Amino acid sequence: MKIEEIRELSDEELQTELDRLRRHVFDLRSQAVTEKLEDPSMVTKARRDIARILTVQRERAHAAAVAAGDADERK
């Protein structure tokens, strides 16, 4: 997934996609152990997608904290 696609997802969709990708990485690692993994780069791609989703979640959390902080300062 590209970062633009990830940013378009809602918070719930991000969490669902994150759970799906974590399960996918687990399955890929299991395949690697049993030597049934056809493309080892799939593990790296999935891990990078996880990192992208976590980055977007942190950006949103930070933006919400800043917005809440600005609202507190205005009172």
C-alpha atoms as a PDB file:
ATOM      1  CA  MET A   1       0.000   0.000   0.000  1.00  0.00           C
ATOM      2  CA  LYS A   2       1.080   3.510  -0.639  1.00  0.00           C
ATOM      3  CA  ILE A   3       0.999   6.142   2.062  1.00  0.00           C
ATOM      4  CA  GLU A   4      -1.677   8.101   0.194  1.00  0.00           C
ATOM      5  CA  GLU A   5      -3.958   5.057   0.235  1.00  0.00           C
ATOM      6  CA  ILE A   6      -3.342   4.547   3.938  1.00  0.00           C
ATOM      7  CA  ARG A   7      -4.117   8.174   4.793  1.00  0.00           C
ATOM      8  CA  GLU A   8      -7.494   7.856   3.075  1.00  0.00           C
ATOM      9  CA  LEU A   9      -8.589   5.066   5.439  1.00  0.00           C
ATOM     10  CA  SER A  10     -10.610   5.740   8.574  1.00  0.00           C
ATOM     11  CA  ASP A  11      -9.253   4.902  12.023  1.00  0.00           C
ATOM     12  CA  GLU A  12     -11.276   1.690  12.190  1.00  0.00           C
ATOM     13  CA  GLU A  13     -10.123   0.619   8.738  1.00  0.00           C
ATOM     14  CA  LEU A  14      -6.519   1.310   9.733  1.00  0.00           C
ATOM     15  CA  GLN A  15      -6.835  -0.888  12.798  1.00  0.00           C
ATOM     16  CA  THR A  16      -8.461  -3.672  10.779  1.00  0.00           C
ATOM     17  CA  GLU A  17      -5.743  -3.471   8.130  1.00  0.00           C
ATOM     18  CA  LEU A  18      -3.052  -3.458  10.829  1.00  0.00           C
ATOM     19  CA  ASP A  19      -4.485  -6.615  12.402  1.00  0.00           C
ATOM     20  CA  ARG A  20      -4.708  -8.279   8.988  1.00  0.00           C
ATOM     21  CA  LEU A  21      -1.110  -7.396   8.128  1.00  0.00           C
ATOM     22  CA  ARG A  22       0.224  -8.614  11.458  1.00  0.00           C
ATOM     23  CA  ARG A  23      -1.517 -11.946  10.908  1.00  0.00           C
ATOM     24  CA  HIS A  24      -0.124 -12.011   7.347  1.00  0.00           C
ATOM     25  CA  VAL A  25       3.439 -11.480   8.617  1.00  0.00           C
ATOM     26  CA  PHE A  26       2.931 -14.288  11.123  1.00  0.00           C
ATOM     27  CA  ASP A  27       1.752 -16.593   8.328  1.00  0.00           C
ATOM     28  CA  LEU A  28       4.662 -15.583   6.098  1.00  0.00           C
ATOM     29  CA  ARG A  29       7.168 -16.247   8.864  1.00  0.00           C
ATOM     30  CA  SER A  30       5.586 -19.654   9.438  1.00  0.00           C
ATOM     31  CA  GLN A  31       5.959 -20.400   5.739  1.00  0.00           C
ATOM     32  CA  ALA A  32       9.589 -19.270   5.848  1.00  0.00           C
ATOM     33  CA  VAL A  33      10.348 -21.689   8.675  1.00  0.00           C
ATOM     34  CA  THR A  34       8.815 -24.587   6.793  1.00  0.00           C
ATOM     35  CA  GLU A  35      10.580 -23.460   3.598  1.00  0.00           C
ATOM     36  CA  LYS A  36       7.312 -22.994   1.713  1.00  0.00           C
ATOM     37  CA  LEU A  37       7.707 -19.240   1.241  1.00  0.00           C
ATOM     38  CA  GLU A  38       7.961 -18.455  -2.461  1.00  0.00           C
ATOM     39  CA  ASP A  39       8.918 -14.772  -2.235  1.00  0.00           C
ATOM     40  CA  PRO A  40      10.946 -13.739   0.847  1.00  0.00           C
ATOM     41  CA  SER A  41      10.492 -10.054   0.008  1.00  0.00           C
ATOM     42  CA  MET A  42       6.800 -10.365   0.933  1.00  0.00           C
ATOM     43  CA  VAL A  43       7.753 -10.328   4.620  1.00  0.00           C
ATOM     44  CA  THR A  44       9.634  -7.062   4.188  1.00  0.00           C
ATOM     45  CA  LYS A  45       6.802  -5.481   2.201  1.00  0.00           C
ATOM     46  CA  ALA A  46       4.219  -6.434   4.821  1.00  0.00           C
ATOM     47  CA  ARG A  47       6.403  -5.117   7.645  1.00  0.00           C
ATOM     48  CA  ARG A  48       6.836  -1.810   5.819  1.00  0.00           C
ATOM     49  CA  ASP A  49       3.079  -1.546   5.356  1.00  0.00           C
ATOM     50  CA  ILE A  50       2.668  -2.103   9.098  1.00  0.00           C
ATOM     51  CA  ALA A  51       5.182   0.669   9.760  1.00  0.00           C
ATOM     52  CA  ARG A  52       3.318   3.012   7.413  1.00  0.00           C
ATOM     53  CA  ILE A  53       0.007   2.349   9.176  1.00  0.00           C
ATOM     54  CA  LEU A  54       1.570   2.893  12.600  1.00  0.00           C
ATOM     55  CA  THR A  55       3.091   6.154  11.348  1.00  0.00           C
ATOM     56  CA  VAL A  56      -0.278   7.441  10.141  1.00  0.00           C
ATOM     57  CA  GLN A  57      -1.911   6.444  13.435  1.00  0.00           C
ATOM     58  CA  ARG A  58       0.769   8.325  15.377  1.00  0.00           C
ATOM     59  CA  GLU A  59       0.413  11.369  13.115  1.00  0.00           C
ATOM     60  CA  ARG A  60      -3.330  11.419  13.784  1.00  0.00           C
ATOM     61  CA  ALA A  61      -2.852  10.984  17.525  1.00  0.00           C
ATOM     62  CA  HIS A  62      -0.299  13.797  17.584  1.00  0.00           C
ATOM     63  CA  ALA A  63      -2.564  16.084  15.560  1.00  0.00           C
ATOM     64  CA  ALA A  64      -5.444  15.368  17.951  1.00  0.00           C
ATOM     65  CA  ALA A  65      -3.226  16.089  20.961  1.00  0.00           C
ATOM     66  CA  VAL A  66      -2.057  19.358  19.445  1.00  0.00           C
ATOM     67  CA  ALA A  67      -5.628  20.340  18.619  1.00  0.00           C
ATOM     68  CA  ALA A  68      -6.704  19.530  22.179  1.00  0.00           C
ATOM     69  CA  GLY A  69      -3.761  21.507  23.515  1.00  0.00           C
ATOM     70  CA  ASP A  70      -4.690  24.524  21.410  1.00  0.00           C
ATOM     71  CA  ALA A  71      -8.275  24.329  22.654  1.00  0.00           C
ATOM     72  CA  ASP A  72      -7.058  24.230  26.279  1.00  0.00           C
ATOM     73  CA  GLU A  73      -4.846  27.288  25.754  1.00  0.00           C
ATOM     74  CA  ARG A  74      -7.727  29.323  24.335  1.00  0.00           C
ATOM     75  CA  LYS A  75      -9.849  28.921  27.485  1.00  0.00           C
END
